[in-house]
Amino acid sequence: LNNYTKFQIATWGSLLVHEFSYFFICLPGFVFQFIPYMQ
């Protein structure tokens, strides 16, 4: 709040939350395909 404007937080903050969350949550499933035990 002290370092960024509300516009920056609402716009770029929301974009970062979405992109980071999306690919971070996807990561385990992506890795599973290379682990024979998980098949």
All heavy atoms as atom14 arrays in JSON, in Angstrom:
{
  "sequence": "LNNYTKFQIATWGSLLVHEFSYFFICLPGFVFQFIPYMQ",
  "atom14_mask": [
    [1, 1, 1, 1, 1, 1, 1, 1, 0, 0, 0, 0, 0, 0],
    [1, 1, 1, 1, 1, 1, 1, 1, 0, 0, 0, 0, 0, 0],
    [1, 1, 1, 1, 1, 1, 1, 1, 0, 0, 0, 0, 0, 0],
    [1, 1, 1, 1, 1, 1, 1, 1, 1, 1, 1, 1, 0, 0],
    [1, 1, 1, 1, 1, 1, 1, 0, 0, 0, 0, 0, 0, 0],
    [1, 1, 1, 1, 1, 1, 1, 1, 1, 0, 0, 0, 0, 0],
    [1, 1, 1, 1, 1, 1, 1, 1, 1, 1, 1, 0, 0, 0],
    [1, 1, 1, 1, 1, 1, 1, 1, 1, 0, 0, 0, 0, 0],
    [1, 1, 1, 1, 1, 1, 1, 1, 0, 0, 0, 0, 0, 0],
    [1, 1, 1, 1, 1, 0, 0, 0, 0, 0, 0, 0, 0, 0],
    [1, 1, 1, 1, 1, 1, 1, 0, 0, 0, 0, 0, 0, 0],
    [1, 1, 1, 1, 1, 1, 1, 1, 1, 1, 1, 1, 1, 1],
    [1, 1, 1, 1, 0, 0, 0, 0, 0, 0, 0, 0, 0, 0],
    [1, 1, 1, 1, 1, 1, 0, 0, 0, 0, 0, 0, 0, 0],
    [1, 1, 1, 1, 1, 1, 1, 1, 0, 0, 0, 0, 0, 0],
    [1, 1, 1, 1, 1, 1, 1, 1, 0, 0, 0, 0, 0, 0],
    [1, 1, 1, 1, 1, 1, 1, 0, 0, 0, 0, 0, 0, 0],
    [1, 1, 1, 1, 1, 1, 1, 1, 1, 1, 0, 0, 0, 0],
    [1, 1, 1, 1, 1, 1, 1, 1, 1, 0, 0, 0, 0, 0],
    [1, 1, 1, 1, 1, 1, 1, 1, 1, 1, 1, 0, 0, 0],
    [1, 1, 1, 1, 1, 1, 0, 0, 0, 0, 0, 0, 0, 0],
    [1, 1, 1, 1, 1, 1, 1, 1, 1, 1, 1, 1, 0, 0],
    [1, 1, 1, 1, 1, 1, 1, 1, 1, 1, 1, 0, 0, 0],
    [1, 1, 1, 1, 1, 1, 1, 1, 1, 1, 1, 0, 0, 0],
    [1, 1, 1, 1, 1, 1, 1, 1, 0, 0, 0, 0, 0, 0],
    [1, 1, 1, 1, 1, 1, 0, 0, 0, 0, 0, 0, 0, 0],
    [1, 1, 1, 1, 1, 1, 1, 1, 0, 0, 0, 0, 0, 0],
    [1, 1, 1, 1, 1, 1, 1, 0, 0, 0, 0, 0, 0, 0],
    [1, 1, 1, 1, 0, 0, 0, 0, 0, 0, 0, 0, 0, 0],
    [1, 1, 1, 1, 1, 1, 1, 1, 1, 1, 1, 0, 0, 0],
    [1, 1, 1, 1, 1, 1, 1, 0, 0, 0, 0, 0, 0, 0],
    [1, 1, 1, 1, 1, 1, 1, 1, 1, 1, 1, 0, 0, 0],
    [1, 1, 1, 1, 1, 1, 1, 1, 1, 0, 0, 0, 0, 0],
    [1, 1, 1, 1, 1, 1, 1, 1, 1, 1, 1, 0, 0, 0],
    [1, 1, 1, 1, 1, 1, 1, 1, 0, 0, 0, 0, 0, 0],
    [1, 1, 1, 1, 1, 1, 1, 0, 0, 0, 0, 0, 0, 0],
    [1, 1, 1, 1, 1, 1, 1, 1, 1, 1, 1, 1, 0, 0],
    [1, 1, 1, 1, 1, 1, 1, 1, 0, 0, 0, 0, 0, 0],
    [1, 1, 1, 1, 1, 1, 1, 1, 1, 0, 0, 0, 0, 0]
  ],
  "atom14_positions": [
    [[0.82, -1.21, 0.0], [0.0, 0.0, 0.0], [0.85, 1.26, 0.0], [0.47, 2.28, -0.6], [-0.93, 0.0, 1.21], [-2.03, -1.07, 1.28], [-2.81, -0.96, 2.57], [-2.96, -0.97, 0.08], [0.0, 0.0, 0.0], [0.0, 0.0, 0.0], [0.0, 0.0, 0.0], [0.0, 0.0, 0.0], [0.0, 0.0, 0.0], [0.0, 0.0, 0.0]],
    [[2.01, 1.2, 0.67], [2.89, 2.37, 0.77], [3.69, 2.63, -0.49], [4.14, 3.76, -0.72], [3.85, 2.21, 1.96], [3.14, 2.28, 3.29], [2.07, 2.88, 3.4], [3.72, 1.67, 4.32], [0.0, 0.0, 0.0], [0.0, 0.0, 0.0], [0.0, 0.0, 0.0], [0.0, 0.0, 0.0], [0.0, 0.0, 0.0], [0.0, 0.0, 0.0]],
    [[3.88, 1.58, -1.3], [4.79, 1.71, -2.45], [4.09, 1.71, -3.81], [4.74, 2.03, -4.82], [5.82, 0.59, -2.43], [6.83, 0.76, -1.3], [7.73, 1.59, -1.39], [6.67, -0.02, -0.24], [0.0, 0.0, 0.0], [0.0, 0.0, 0.0], [0.0, 0.0, 0.0], [0.0, 0.0, 0.0], [0.0, 0.0, 0.0], [0.0, 0.0, 0.0]],
    [[2.82, 1.35, -3.83], [2.12, 1.28, -5.11], [0.77, 1.98, -5.02], [0.16, 2.03, -3.95], [1.93, -0.18, -5.53], [3.23, -0.92, -5.7], [3.71, -1.74, -4.68], [3.99, -0.79, -6.87], [4.92, -2.41, -4.82], [5.19, -1.46, -7.01], [5.65, -2.27, -5.99], [6.85, -2.91, -6.13], [0.0, 0.0, 0.0], [0.0, 0.0, 0.0]],
    [[0.3, 2.49, -6.16], [-1.0, 3.14, -6.2], [-2.1, 2.09, -6.23], [-1.86, 0.92, -6.52], [-1.13, 4.03, -7.45], [-1.11, 3.19, -8.62], [0.01, 5.03, -7.52], [0.0, 0.0, 0.0], [0.0, 0.0, 0.0], [0.0, 0.0, 0.0], [0.0, 0.0, 0.0], [0.0, 0.0, 0.0], [0.0, 0.0, 0.0], [0.0, 0.0, 0.0]],
    [[-3.31, 2.54, -5.95], [-4.45, 1.61, -6.0], [-4.62, 1.03, -7.41], [-4.96, -0.15, -7.56], [-5.74, 2.31, -5.57], [-5.85, 2.55, -4.08], [-7.21, 3.13, -3.74], [-7.39, 3.29, -2.23], [-8.73, 3.83, -1.9], [0.0, 0.0, 0.0], [0.0, 0.0, 0.0], [0.0, 0.0, 0.0], [0.0, 0.0, 0.0], [0.0, 0.0, 0.0]],
    [[-4.38, 1.85, -8.42], [-4.5, 1.36, -9.79], [-3.48, 0.26, -10.06], [-3.81, -0.76, -10.67], [-4.31, 2.5, -10.79], [-4.38, 2.05, -12.23], [-5.6, 1.88, -12.86], [-3.22, 1.76, -12.95], [-5.68, 1.43, -14.18], [-3.28, 1.32, -14.26], [-4.51, 1.15, -14.88], [0.0, 0.0, 0.0], [0.0, 0.0, 0.0], [0.0, 0.0, 0.0]],
    [[-2.25, 0.46, -9.63], [-1.2, -0.55, -9.83], [-1.53, -1.84, -9.09], [-1.34, -2.94, -9.61], [0.14, 0.0, -9.36], [0.7, 1.11, -10.25], [1.93, 1.76, -9.65], [2.05, 1.9, -8.43], [2.87, 2.18, -10.5], [0.0, 0.0, 0.0], [0.0, 0.0, 0.0], [0.0, 0.0, 0.0], [0.0, 0.0, 0.0], [0.0, 0.0, 0.0]],
    [[-2.05, -1.7, -7.86], [-2.39, -2.88, -7.06], [-3.54, -3.64, -7.71], [-3.48, -4.87, -7.87], [-2.76, -2.47, -5.62], [-1.52, -1.93, -4.9], [-3.35, -3.65, -4.85], [-1.83, -1.24, -3.58], [0.0, 0.0, 0.0], [0.0, 0.0, 0.0], [0.0, 0.0, 0.0], [0.0, 0.0, 0.0], [0.0, 0.0, 0.0], [0.0, 0.0, 0.0]],
    [[-4.6, -2.9, -8.08], [-5.79, -3.54, -8.63], [-5.53, -4.16, -10.0], [-6.1, -5.22, -10.32], [-6.93, -2.53, -8.73], [0.0, 0.0, 0.0], [0.0, 0.0, 0.0], [0.0, 0.0, 0.0], [0.0, 0.0, 0.0], [0.0, 0.0, 0.0], [0.0, 0.0, 0.0], [0.0, 0.0, 0.0], [0.0, 0.0, 0.0], [0.0, 0.0, 0.0]],
    [[-4.67, -3.52, -10.78], [-4.44, -3.99, -12.15], [-3.29, -4.99, -12.21], [-3.48, -6.18, -12.48], [-4.16, -2.82, -13.1], [-5.23, -1.87, -13.0], [-4.05, -3.3, -14.54], [0.0, 0.0, 0.0], [0.0, 0.0, 0.0], [0.0, 0.0, 0.0], [0.0, 0.0, 0.0], [0.0, 0.0, 0.0], [0.0, 0.0, 0.0], [0.0, 0.0, 0.0]],
    [[-2.08, -4.5, -11.94], [-0.9, -5.38, -12.09], [-0.81, -6.39, -10.96], [-0.34, -7.52, -11.16], [0.37, -4.53, -12.19], [0.26, -3.5, -13.27], [0.33, -2.15, -13.13], [0.0, -3.74, -14.66], [0.14, -1.53, -14.34], [-0.07, -2.48, -15.3], [-0.19, -4.89, -15.43], [-0.31, -2.35, -16.66], [-0.44, -4.77, -16.79], [-0.48, -3.51, -17.39]],
    [[-1.29, -6.0, -9.78], [-1.33, -6.96, -8.67], [-2.27, -8.12, -8.98], [-1.94, -9.29, -8.76], [0.0, 0.0, 0.0], [0.0, 0.0, 0.0], [0.0, 0.0, 0.0], [0.0, 0.0, 0.0], [0.0, 0.0, 0.0], [0.0, 0.0, 0.0], [0.0, 0.0, 0.0], [0.0, 0.0, 0.0], [0.0, 0.0, 0.0], [0.0, 0.0, 0.0]],
    [[-3.46, -7.8, -9.53], [-4.42, -8.84, -9.88], [-3.88, -9.74, -10.99], [-4.08, -10.96, -10.96], [-5.75, -8.2, -10.32], [-6.33, -7.48, -9.26], [0.0, 0.0, 0.0], [0.0, 0.0, 0.0], [0.0, 0.0, 0.0], [0.0, 0.0, 0.0], [0.0, 0.0, 0.0], [0.0, 0.0, 0.0], [0.0, 0.0, 0.0], [0.0, 0.0, 0.0]],
    [[-3.2, -9.14, -11.96], [-2.61, -9.93, -13.04], [-1.56, -10.89, -12.5], [-1.53, -12.07, -12.86], [-1.99, -9.02, -14.1], [-1.29, -9.73, -15.27], [-2.3, -10.5, -16.11], [-0.51, -8.73, -16.13], [0.0, 0.0, 0.0], [0.0, 0.0, 0.0], [0.0, 0.0, 0.0], [0.0, 0.0, 0.0], [0.0, 0.0, 0.0], [0.0, 0.0, 0.0]],
    [[-0.7, -10.39, -11.61], [0.35, -11.24, -11.03], [-0.24, -12.37, -10.2], [0.23, -13.51, -10.26], [1.3, -10.39, -10.17], [2.29, -9.49, -10.93], [3.02, -8.57, -9.97], [3.29, -10.35, -11.71], [0.0, 0.0, 0.0], [0.0, 0.0, 0.0], [0.0, 0.0, 0.0], [0.0, 0.0, 0.0], [0.0, 0.0, 0.0], [0.0, 0.0, 0.0]],
    [[-1.27, -12.06, -9.41], [-1.92, -13.09, -8.59], [-2.49, -14.18, -9.5], [-2.32, -15.37, -9.23], [-3.04, -12.47, -7.72], [-3.93, -13.56, -7.12], [-2.43, -11.63, -6.6], [0.0, 0.0, 0.0], [0.0, 0.0, 0.0], [0.0, 0.0, 0.0], [0.0, 0.0, 0.0], [0.0, 0.0, 0.0], [0.0, 0.0, 0.0], [0.0, 0.0, 0.0]],
    [[-3.14, -13.76, -10.57], [-3.74, -14.74, -11.48], [-2.68, -15.59, -12.17], [-2.78, -16.83, -12.18], [-4.61, -14.04, -12.53], [-5.26, -14.99, -13.49], [-4.67, -15.38, -14.67], [-6.46, -15.64, -13.43], [-5.45, -16.23, -15.3], [-6.55, -16.4, -14.58], [0.0, 0.0, 0.0], [0.0, 0.0, 0.0], [0.0, 0.0, 0.0], [0.0, 0.0, 0.0]],
    [[-1.67, -14.95, -12.75], [-0.67, -15.69, -13.52], [0.16, -16.62, -12.62], [0.38, -17.79, -12.95], [0.26, -14.72, -14.27], [-0.43, -13.92, -15.35], [-1.14, -14.8, -16.36], [-0.48, -15.64, -17.01], [-2.37, -14.65, -16.5], [0.0, 0.0, 0.0], [0.0, 0.0, 0.0], [0.0, 0.0, 0.0], [0.0, 0.0, 0.0], [0.0, 0.0, 0.0]],
    [[0.61, -16.09, -11.49], [1.42, -16.91, -10.58], [0.6, -18.08, -10.04], [1.07, -19.23, -10.03], [1.95, -16.06, -9.42], [2.73, -16.86, -8.4], [4.04, -17.23, -8.63], [2.12, -17.27, -7.22], [4.75, -17.99, -7.71], [2.81, -18.04, -6.29], [4.14, -18.39, -6.54], [0.0, 0.0, 0.0], [0.0, 0.0, 0.0], [0.0, 0.0, 0.0]],
    [[-0.63, -17.8, -9.61], [-1.48, -18.86, -9.05], [-1.78, -19.92, -10.09], [-1.72, -21.12, -9.81], [-2.79, -18.26, -8.52], [-2.54, -17.32, -7.5], [0.0, 0.0, 0.0], [0.0, 0.0, 0.0], [0.0, 0.0, 0.0], [0.0, 0.0, 0.0], [0.0, 0.0, 0.0], [0.0, 0.0, 0.0], [0.0, 0.0, 0.0], [0.0, 0.0, 0.0]],
    [[-2.09, -19.48, -11.31], [-2.48, -20.42, -12.36], [-1.36, -21.43, -12.63], [-1.59, -22.65, -12.58], [-2.81, -19.66, -13.65], [-3.46, -20.52, -14.7], [-4.84, -20.74, -14.69], [-2.72, -21.13, -15.71], [-5.46, -21.54, -15.64], [-3.33, -21.93, -16.67], [-4.68, -22.12, -16.63], [-5.3, -22.93, -17.57], [0.0, 0.0, 0.0], [0.0, 0.0, 0.0]],
    [[-0.17, -20.94, -12.91], [0.91, -21.85, -13.3], [1.52, -22.58, -12.1], [2.01, -23.7, -12.25], [1.96, -21.09, -14.1], [1.46, -20.67, -15.46], [1.13, -19.35, -15.72], [1.26, -21.61, -16.45], [0.63, -18.97, -16.96], [0.76, -21.26, -17.7], [0.45, -19.93, -17.96], [0.0, 0.0, 0.0], [0.0, 0.0, 0.0], [0.0, 0.0, 0.0]],
    [[1.44, -21.98, -10.92], [1.92, -22.67, -9.72], [1.01, -23.85, -9.39], [1.5, -24.95, -9.05], [1.98, -21.7, -8.53], [2.5, -22.32, -7.27], [3.86, -22.55, -7.11], [1.64, -22.69, -6.24], [4.36, -23.13, -5.94], [2.12, -23.27, -5.08], [3.49, -23.49, -4.93], [0.0, 0.0, 0.0], [0.0, 0.0, 0.0], [0.0, 0.0, 0.0]],
    [[-0.3, -23.65, -9.5], [-1.24, -24.74, -9.22], [-1.16, -25.81, -10.31], [-1.37, -27.0, -10.04], [-2.68, -24.19, -9.07], [-2.76, -23.21, -7.89], [-3.69, -25.31, -8.86], [-4.04, -22.38, -7.86], [0.0, 0.0, 0.0], [0.0, 0.0, 0.0], [0.0, 0.0, 0.0], [0.0, 0.0, 0.0], [0.0, 0.0, 0.0], [0.0, 0.0, 0.0]],
    [[-0.85, -25.41, -11.54], [-0.7, -26.37, -12.64], [0.56, -27.23, -12.5], [0.62, -28.34, -13.05], [-0.61, -25.64, -13.98], [-2.18, -25.01, -14.61], [0.0, 0.0, 0.0], [0.0, 0.0, 0.0], [0.0, 0.0, 0.0], [0.0, 0.0, 0.0], [0.0, 0.0, 0.0], [0.0, 0.0, 0.0], [0.0, 0.0, 0.0], [0.0, 0.0, 0.0]],
    [[1.55, -26.72, -11.79], [2.87, -27.36, -11.75], [2.85, -28.82, -11.3], [3.47, -29.67, -11.95], [3.82, -26.53, -10.88], [5.29, -26.97, -10.87], [5.87, -26.94, -12.28], [6.11, -26.08, -9.93], [0.0, 0.0, 0.0], [0.0, 0.0, 0.0], [0.0, 0.0, 0.0], [0.0, 0.0, 0.0], [0.0, 0.0, 0.0], [0.0, 0.0, 0.0]],
    [[2.16, -29.18, -10.18], [2.18, -30.59, -9.76], [1.68, -31.54, -10.85], [2.3, -32.57, -11.13], [1.27, -30.62, -8.54], [1.33, -29.23, -8.0], [1.44, -28.35, -9.21], [0.0, 0.0, 0.0], [0.0, 0.0, 0.0], [0.0, 0.0, 0.0], [0.0, 0.0, 0.0], [0.0, 0.0, 0.0], [0.0, 0.0, 0.0], [0.0, 0.0, 0.0]],
    [[0.55, -31.19, -11.5], [0.01, -32.04, -12.55], [0.96, -32.18, -13.73], [1.04, -33.24, -14.35], [0.0, 0.0, 0.0], [0.0, 0.0, 0.0], [0.0, 0.0, 0.0], [0.0, 0.0, 0.0], [0.0, 0.0, 0.0], [0.0, 0.0, 0.0], [0.0, 0.0, 0.0], [0.0, 0.0, 0.0], [0.0, 0.0, 0.0], [0.0, 0.0, 0.0]],
    [[1.67, -31.1, -14.03], [2.65, -31.15, -15.12], [3.79, -32.1, -14.77], [4.24, -32.89, -15.61], [3.2, -29.75, -15.38], [4.25, -29.7, -16.47], [3.89, -29.76, -17.81], [5.59, -29.62, -16.15], [4.85, -29.73, -18.82], [6.56, -29.59, -17.14], [6.19, -29.64, -18.49], [0.0, 0.0, 0.0], [0.0, 0.0, 0.0], [0.0, 0.0, 0.0]],
    [[4.23, -32.07, -13.51], [5.34, -32.92, -13.06], [4.9, -34.38, -12.99], [5.71, -35.28, -13.27], [5.87, -32.43, -11.7], [6.9, -33.4, -11.13], [6.47, -31.03, -11.83], [0.0, 0.0, 0.0], [0.0, 0.0, 0.0], [0.0, 0.0, 0.0], [0.0, 0.0, 0.0], [0.0, 0.0, 0.0], [0.0, 0.0, 0.0], [0.0, 0.0, 0.0]],
    [[3.63, -34.63, -12.65], [3.14, -36.01, -12.5], [3.38, -36.86, -13.74], [3.62, -38.06, -13.63], [1.65, -36.02, -12.17], [1.32, -35.56, -10.78], [0.0, -35.23, -10.44], [2.3, -35.44, -9.81], [-0.31, -34.8, -9.16], [1.99, -35.0, -8.52], [0.69, -34.69, -8.2], [0.0, 0.0, 0.0], [0.0, 0.0, 0.0], [0.0, 0.0, 0.0]],
    [[3.31, -36.24, -14.92], [3.44, -37.02, -16.16], [4.83, -37.64, -16.31], [4.99, -38.6, -17.08], [3.14, -36.13, -17.38], [4.14, -35.02, -17.61], [3.75, -34.11, -18.76], [3.43, -34.59, -19.85], [3.78, -32.81, -18.52], [0.0, 0.0, 0.0], [0.0, 0.0, 0.0], [0.0, 0.0, 0.0], [0.0, 0.0, 0.0], [0.0, 0.0, 0.0]],
    [[5.81, -37.13, -15.56], [7.17, -37.65, -15.64], [7.49, -38.62, -14.5], [8.61, -39.11, -14.39], [8.18, -36.5, -15.62], [7.97, -35.48, -16.71], [7.51, -34.2, -16.4], [8.21, -35.81, -18.04], [7.31, -33.27, -17.41], [8.0, -34.89, -19.05], [7.55, -33.61, -18.73], [0.0, 0.0, 0.0], [0.0, 0.0, 0.0], [0.0, 0.0, 0.0]],
    [[6.51, -38.87, -13.63], [6.71, -39.75, -12.47], [5.9, -41.03, -12.68], [4.66, -41.01, -12.58], [6.28, -39.06, -11.16], [7.03, -37.73, -10.98], [6.55, -39.98, -9.96], [6.58, -36.91, -9.78], [0.0, 0.0, 0.0], [0.0, 0.0, 0.0], [0.0, 0.0, 0.0], [0.0, 0.0, 0.0], [0.0, 0.0, 0.0], [0.0, 0.0, 0.0]],
    [[6.55, -42.15, -12.98], [5.81, -43.41, -13.24], [4.86, -43.8, -12.11], [3.76, -44.3, -12.38], [6.94, -44.43, -13.4], [8.12, -43.63, -13.86], [8.0, -42.31, -13.16], [0.0, 0.0, 0.0], [0.0, 0.0, 0.0], [0.0, 0.0, 0.0], [0.0, 0.0, 0.0], [0.0, 0.0, 0.0], [0.0, 0.0, 0.0], [0.0, 0.0, 0.0]],
    [[5.25, -43.56, -10.85], [4.41, -43.94, -9.72], [3.04, -43.25, -9.77], [2.02, -43.83, -9.37], [5.13, -43.59, -8.41], [4.3, -43.87, -7.17], [4.18, -45.16, -6.66], [3.61, -42.83, -6.53], [3.41, -45.42, -5.53], [2.83, -43.08, -5.4], [2.73, -44.37, -4.91], [1.96, -44.61, -3.8], [0.0, 0.0, 0.0], [0.0, 0.0, 0.0]],
    [[3.0, -42.01, -10.27], [1.76, -41.23, -10.26], [0.78, -41.67, -11.35], [-0.38, -41.27, -11.34], [2.07, -39.73, -10.42], [2.89, -39.14, -9.3], [2.14, -39.39, -7.66], [0.62, -38.47, -7.83], [0.0, 0.0, 0.0], [0.0, 0.0, 0.0], [0.0, 0.0, 0.0], [0.0, 0.0, 0.0], [0.0, 0.0, 0.0], [0.0, 0.0, 0.0]],
    [[1.24, -42.48, -12.28], [0.38, -42.85, -13.4], [-0.8, -43.72, -12.97], [-1.82, -43.78, -13.67], [1.2, -43.57, -14.48], [2.28, -42.69, -15.11], [1.77, -41.29, -15.46], [0.84, -41.13, -16.25], [2.37, -40.27, -14.85], [0.0, 0.0, 0.0], [0.0, 0.0, 0.0], [0.0, 0.0, 0.0], [0.0, 0.0, 0.0], [0.0, 0.0, 0.0]]
  ]
}
